[in-house]
Amino acid sequence: MNKTLLILSLLLACNVFSQNTPAFQDGEWFRFEMSYSGFLKAGNATLSIKEESLDSKPVYHVVGKGWTTGAIKWFFKVKDRYESYFDKEKLIPYKFIRDINEGGHTKDIEIEFDQTNQKAYVNNKKHKTNKVFDTKPNIQDMVSTFYYLRNKLDVTKLKLGDEIMVDMFFDEENYGFKLKYLGEEIINTEFGNIEALKFRPYVMAGRVFKEEESLTLWVSKDKNRVPLRVKADLAVGSLRADLEAFKGLKHPFKIVVDD
C-alpha cells in the first residue's frame, strides 16, 4: 500500500470548500484512523495548524503526520511527515517539507518557493542535490492546496459533475490537480450522521490505484469543511481513513438530529 497517497488524499479532502468566513484557525487539529480492506487497522494520521512567522512574514504552519500501527507495521512500517508554511492572507506557500520513510523507501525534501519570480528551490537532502524549477503563478504545494481551496472555492456555485483545477508543485514537478464534484450525502461517522460534500480526485491508474477515479472524499457541509472520510480502491484491496478526533474548530460542528 502507498501511505503517502492516502495522506495526500486526506489533505486534498480537507481542501475543497470555500466560504466568505475562514474555515480554519490557529490550533485546529484532526486525527484519522486508517483501515485496510475494511477490517484491518493500518495506521493513524494527524493534521495541525499554528500561526507563526517565517522570515518576518505572518504564516500558517501546518504539520501532517502518518504512521502505521498494529500488525501491519511489522512488515510495512511507515513514518511520514509533511509541513507547509503559507501566507496567512494570500494562502500561497513559502516553504514545504516532505520527510518520509515507507517500508525503507525514504525521501527528505525541502522546497523554498519564490512566488514573485515563480521559482521553486528544491533541496533534496537524501541525494544532496539542489535544483531550481519554474512554477506557475501562485503555485501551491500538496498541503497548502488543502487550505487554499478550503477558503477560495465557492461550493454554492458548483454543479454536479463540475471539475476543479489547481496548479500544484510536488517533489520536482508541476502537477495539475483535478477534482470532480459528486454532490451531497449524509454519512454515518464516529460522531453521528453528518451532512457531507462528496468529491472525486483524478489519480494515476496503475501500480497503486485501479483506475483514475479510485478515490472518493467526503467533507462536512458546515462552515468548518471538516475532512470526514477518504476511501481508496487500490490494485490490491482498499484503504479507508475516518476522522476519529478533532479540536480547535472555528465554527460549530453540525450533526444531523433525527426528528
Protein backbone atom coordinates (compact mmCIF):
# COMPACT_ATOMS: atom_id res chain seq x y z
CA MET A 1 0.00 0.00 0.00
CA ASN A 2 1.15 3.55 -0.60
CA LYS A 3 0.62 5.56 2.61
CA THR A 4 1.83 8.77 1.00
CA LEU A 5 -1.04 8.68 -1.47
CA LEU A 6 -3.63 8.19 1.26
CA ILE A 7 -2.22 11.05 3.33
CA LEU A 8 -2.19 13.22 0.19
CA SER A 9 -5.84 12.30 -0.32
CA LEU A 10 -6.65 13.34 3.24
CA LEU A 11 -5.03 16.69 2.66
CA LEU A 12 -6.93 17.17 -0.57
CA ALA A 13 -10.14 16.08 1.08
CA CYS A 14 -9.85 18.94 3.54
CA ASN A 15 -9.40 21.33 0.73
CA VAL A 16 -12.28 21.87 -1.47
CA PHE A 17 -14.82 24.09 0.18
CA SER A 18 -14.83 27.86 0.22
CA GLN A 19 -16.93 30.42 2.05
CA ASN A 20 -16.89 34.10 2.99
CA THR A 21 -15.55 33.41 6.51
CA PRO A 22 -12.36 31.38 7.10
CA ALA A 23 -12.95 27.66 7.61
CA PHE A 24 -10.00 27.18 9.96
CA GLN A 25 -7.98 28.89 12.70
CA ASP A 26 -4.85 28.62 14.80
CA GLY A 27 -4.94 25.45 16.91
CA GLU A 28 -7.14 23.32 14.67
CA TRP A 29 -6.23 19.62 14.90
CA PHE A 30 -7.52 16.38 13.32
CA ARG A 31 -6.73 12.70 13.89
CA PHE A 32 -7.70 9.95 11.46
CA GLU A 33 -7.80 6.17 11.75
CA MET A 34 -6.83 4.17 8.66
CA SER A 35 -8.00 0.68 7.82
CA TYR A 36 -7.09 -1.77 5.06
CA SER A 37 -9.79 -3.73 3.16
CA GLY A 38 -12.42 -2.62 5.67
CA PHE A 39 -11.30 -4.53 8.74
CA LEU A 40 -7.54 -4.39 9.38
CA LYS A 41 -6.30 -1.29 11.20
CA ALA A 42 -3.50 0.19 9.14
CA GLY A 43 -2.40 3.33 10.95
CA ASN A 44 -3.14 6.89 12.01
CA ALA A 45 -2.67 10.37 10.60
CA THR A 46 -2.88 13.86 12.12
CA LEU A 47 -3.15 17.41 10.78
CA SER A 48 -2.45 20.51 12.88
CA ILE A 49 -2.16 24.23 12.14
CA LYS A 50 -0.47 27.07 14.04
CA GLU A 51 0.15 30.76 13.44
CA GLU A 52 3.87 31.54 13.16
CA SER A 53 6.36 33.88 11.48
CA LEU A 54 8.69 32.90 8.63
CA ASP A 55 11.31 35.44 7.52
CA SER A 56 9.23 38.16 9.23
CA LYS A 57 6.11 37.12 7.30
CA PRO A 58 2.97 36.01 9.18
CA VAL A 59 2.21 32.47 8.10
CA TYR A 60 0.22 29.39 8.96
CA HIS A 61 2.42 26.39 9.72
CA VAL A 62 0.71 23.06 9.03
CA VAL A 63 2.14 19.70 10.05
CA GLY A 64 0.76 16.43 8.68
CA LYS A 65 1.93 13.10 10.09
CA GLY A 66 1.16 9.49 9.19
CA TRP A 67 2.32 6.20 10.66
CA THR A 68 1.44 2.51 10.60
CA THR A 69 0.13 0.70 13.67
CA GLY A 70 -0.77 -2.83 14.74
CA ALA A 71 0.26 -5.90 12.76
CA ILE A 72 0.92 -4.00 9.53
CA LYS A 73 3.88 -2.08 10.95
CA TRP A 74 5.78 -5.34 11.43
CA PHE A 75 6.02 -5.97 7.69
CA PHE A 76 5.49 -2.47 6.26
CA LYS A 77 6.49 0.33 8.60
CA VAL A 78 5.55 3.90 7.66
CA LYS A 79 6.55 7.17 9.28
CA ASP A 80 5.72 10.27 7.20
CA ARG A 81 5.89 13.98 7.97
CA TYR A 82 4.73 16.87 5.77
CA GLU A 83 4.99 20.57 6.58
CA SER A 84 3.86 23.72 4.83
CA TYR A 85 4.38 27.40 5.65
CA PHE A 86 1.90 29.57 3.73
CA ASP A 87 0.90 33.23 3.79
CA LYS A 88 -1.96 33.98 6.19
CA GLU A 89 -3.74 36.30 3.78
CA LYS A 90 -2.85 35.07 0.29
CA LEU A 91 -2.73 31.38 1.27
CA ILE A 92 0.27 30.72 -1.00
CA PRO A 93 3.22 28.64 0.25
CA TYR A 94 6.72 29.86 1.00
CA LYS A 95 8.18 26.59 2.28
CA PHE A 96 7.34 22.88 2.07
CA ILE A 97 8.93 19.86 3.76
CA ARG A 98 8.47 16.17 2.92
CA ASP A 99 10.27 13.67 5.18
CA ILE A 100 9.04 10.10 4.70
CA ASN A 101 10.02 6.50 5.40
CA GLU A 102 7.72 3.93 3.82
CA GLY A 103 8.93 0.38 4.20
CA GLY A 104 12.53 1.56 3.80
CA HIS A 105 11.74 3.90 0.90
CA THR A 106 12.82 7.32 2.12
CA LYS A 107 12.64 10.94 0.94
CA ASP A 108 13.85 14.10 2.63
CA ILE A 109 12.96 17.14 0.53
CA GLU A 110 12.72 20.83 1.41
CA ILE A 111 11.29 23.34 -1.07
CA GLU A 112 11.52 27.14 -0.90
CA PHE A 113 9.00 28.98 -3.10
CA ASP A 114 9.78 32.36 -4.66
CA GLN A 115 6.24 33.40 -5.53
CA THR A 116 7.35 36.73 -7.01
CA ASN A 117 9.70 35.20 -9.58
CA GLN A 118 7.77 31.93 -9.90
CA LYS A 119 10.59 29.60 -8.84
CA ALA A 120 10.85 26.51 -6.65
CA TYR A 121 14.21 25.81 -4.99
CA VAL A 122 14.35 22.10 -4.20
CA ASN A 123 16.85 20.81 -1.66
CA ASN A 124 16.98 17.01 -1.82
CA LYS A 125 18.75 16.22 1.45
CA LYS A 126 18.87 12.49 0.81
CA HIS A 127 20.69 12.83 -2.52
CA LYS A 128 22.47 16.07 -1.56
CA THR A 129 21.24 17.96 -4.63
CA ASN A 130 19.85 21.47 -5.14
CA LYS A 131 17.71 22.29 -8.18
CA VAL A 132 15.63 25.22 -9.38
CA PHE A 133 12.34 24.84 -11.26
CA ASP A 134 9.98 27.29 -12.95
CA THR A 135 6.47 27.29 -11.46
CA LYS A 136 3.03 28.59 -12.34
CA PRO A 137 1.80 31.84 -10.73
CA ASN A 138 0.55 31.37 -7.17
CA ILE A 139 1.68 27.75 -7.16
CA GLN A 140 0.51 25.55 -4.28
CA ASP A 141 2.17 22.64 -2.51
CA MET A 142 0.26 19.48 -1.60
CA VAL A 143 -0.54 20.74 1.92
CA SER A 144 -1.30 24.40 1.19
CA THR A 145 -3.67 23.32 -1.59
CA PHE A 146 -5.90 21.93 1.13
CA TYR A 147 -6.26 25.25 2.92
CA TYR A 148 -6.28 27.40 -0.21
CA LEU A 149 -9.26 25.63 -1.77
CA ARG A 150 -10.95 25.33 1.59
CA ASN A 151 -11.35 29.12 1.58
CA LYS A 152 -11.25 30.08 -2.09
CA LEU A 153 -13.59 27.70 -3.89
CA ASP A 154 -17.28 28.64 -3.73
CA VAL A 155 -19.16 25.37 -3.35
CA THR A 156 -22.54 27.09 -3.68
CA LYS A 157 -21.77 27.65 -7.36
CA LEU A 158 -20.74 24.06 -8.07
CA LYS A 159 -22.95 21.79 -10.14
CA LEU A 160 -22.94 18.01 -10.15
CA GLY A 161 -20.02 16.81 -12.28
CA ASP A 162 -18.12 20.12 -12.21
CA GLU A 163 -14.32 19.79 -12.19
CA ILE A 164 -11.86 21.97 -10.26
CA MET A 165 -8.24 22.51 -11.34
CA VAL A 166 -5.33 23.66 -9.15
CA ASP A 167 -1.66 24.20 -10.05
CA MET A 168 0.48 22.30 -7.57
CA PHE A 169 4.23 21.65 -7.26
CA PHE A 170 5.16 18.24 -5.88
CA ASP A 171 8.75 16.99 -5.33
CA GLU A 172 10.33 18.18 -8.59
CA GLU A 173 7.46 18.82 -10.97
CA ASN A 174 4.43 20.96 -11.67
CA TYR A 175 1.24 18.99 -11.32
CA GLY A 176 -2.27 19.85 -12.49
CA PHE A 177 -4.60 18.56 -9.79
CA LYS A 178 -8.20 17.88 -10.89
CA LEU A 179 -11.19 17.20 -8.65
CA LYS A 180 -14.79 16.31 -9.58
CA TYR A 181 -17.83 17.34 -7.52
CA LEU A 182 -20.19 14.41 -6.83
CA GLY A 183 -22.91 16.15 -4.82
CA GLU A 184 -24.13 15.82 -1.22
CA GLU A 185 -24.58 12.80 1.05
CA ILE A 186 -25.38 12.08 4.70
CA ILE A 187 -22.76 9.69 6.11
CA ASN A 188 -22.51 7.87 9.42
CA THR A 189 -19.40 8.78 11.41
CA GLU A 190 -17.86 8.36 14.85
CA PHE A 191 -19.78 11.48 15.89
CA GLY A 192 -23.17 10.67 14.33
CA ASN A 193 -24.77 11.34 10.94
CA ILE A 194 -23.13 14.27 9.14
CA GLU A 195 -24.17 16.17 6.02
CA ALA A 196 -21.22 15.86 3.66
CA LEU A 197 -19.98 17.15 0.33
CA LYS A 198 -18.61 14.39 -1.90
CA PHE A 199 -15.68 14.72 -4.31
CA ARG A 200 -13.51 12.53 -6.50
CA PRO A 201 -9.92 13.48 -7.39
CA TYR A 202 -8.31 12.08 -10.50
CA VAL A 203 -5.27 9.90 -9.81
CA MET A 204 -2.85 7.98 -11.98
CA ALA A 205 -4.08 4.44 -12.65
CA GLY A 206 -1.51 1.66 -12.50
CA ARG A 207 0.53 0.00 -9.78
CA VAL A 208 -1.35 1.52 -6.81
CA PHE A 209 -4.80 2.60 -7.99
CA LYS A 210 -7.22 0.53 -10.08
CA GLU A 211 -8.27 3.47 -12.24
CA GLU A 212 -8.23 7.28 -12.44
CA GLU A 213 -11.38 7.56 -10.34
CA SER A 214 -10.31 5.30 -7.47
CA LEU A 215 -10.54 7.91 -4.70
CA THR A 216 -13.65 9.27 -3.00
CA LEU A 217 -13.61 12.11 -0.45
CA TRP A 218 -16.24 13.39 2.00
CA VAL A 219 -16.12 16.67 3.99
CA SER A 220 -18.68 18.25 6.29
CA LYS A 221 -21.13 20.65 4.71
CA ASP A 222 -20.88 23.09 7.65
CA LYS A 223 -18.57 26.12 7.74
CA ASN A 224 -15.62 24.09 9.06
CA ARG A 225 -15.38 21.87 5.96
CA VAL A 226 -14.10 19.06 8.22
CA PRO A 227 -12.50 16.10 6.38
CA LEU A 228 -14.66 13.14 7.39
CA ARG A 229 -13.64 10.20 5.23
CA VAL A 230 -11.38 9.10 2.38
CA LYS A 231 -11.76 5.82 0.53
CA ALA A 232 -9.20 4.49 -1.96
CA ASP A 233 -9.71 1.46 -4.19
CA LEU A 234 -6.23 0.02 -4.73
CA ALA A 235 -4.86 -2.51 -7.19
CA VAL A 236 -4.92 -4.91 -4.23
CA GLY A 237 -7.60 -4.28 -1.57
CA SER A 238 -8.74 -0.86 -0.38
CA LEU A 239 -7.76 1.81 2.14
CA ARG A 240 -10.08 3.96 4.20
CA ALA A 241 -9.39 6.88 6.54
CA ASP A 242 -12.03 8.12 9.00
CA LEU A 243 -11.92 11.16 11.27
CA GLU A 244 -11.81 9.90 14.88
CA ALA A 245 -10.93 13.06 16.87
CA PHE A 246 -10.69 16.82 16.45
CA LYS A 247 -10.26 20.07 18.38
CA GLY A 248 -9.91 23.80 17.79
CA LEU A 249 -12.66 24.14 15.16
CA LYS A 250 -13.55 27.70 14.21
CA HIS A 251 -17.28 27.03 13.80
CA PRO A 252 -19.88 24.73 15.42
CA PHE A 253 -19.70 21.12 14.20
CA LYS A 254 -23.14 20.16 12.89
CA ILE A 255 -24.63 16.69 13.46
CA VAL A 256 -27.89 15.55 11.84
CA VAL A 257 -30.56 15.02 14.52
CA ASP A 258 -33.49 12.80 13.52
CA ASP A 259 -36.98 14.03 14.42
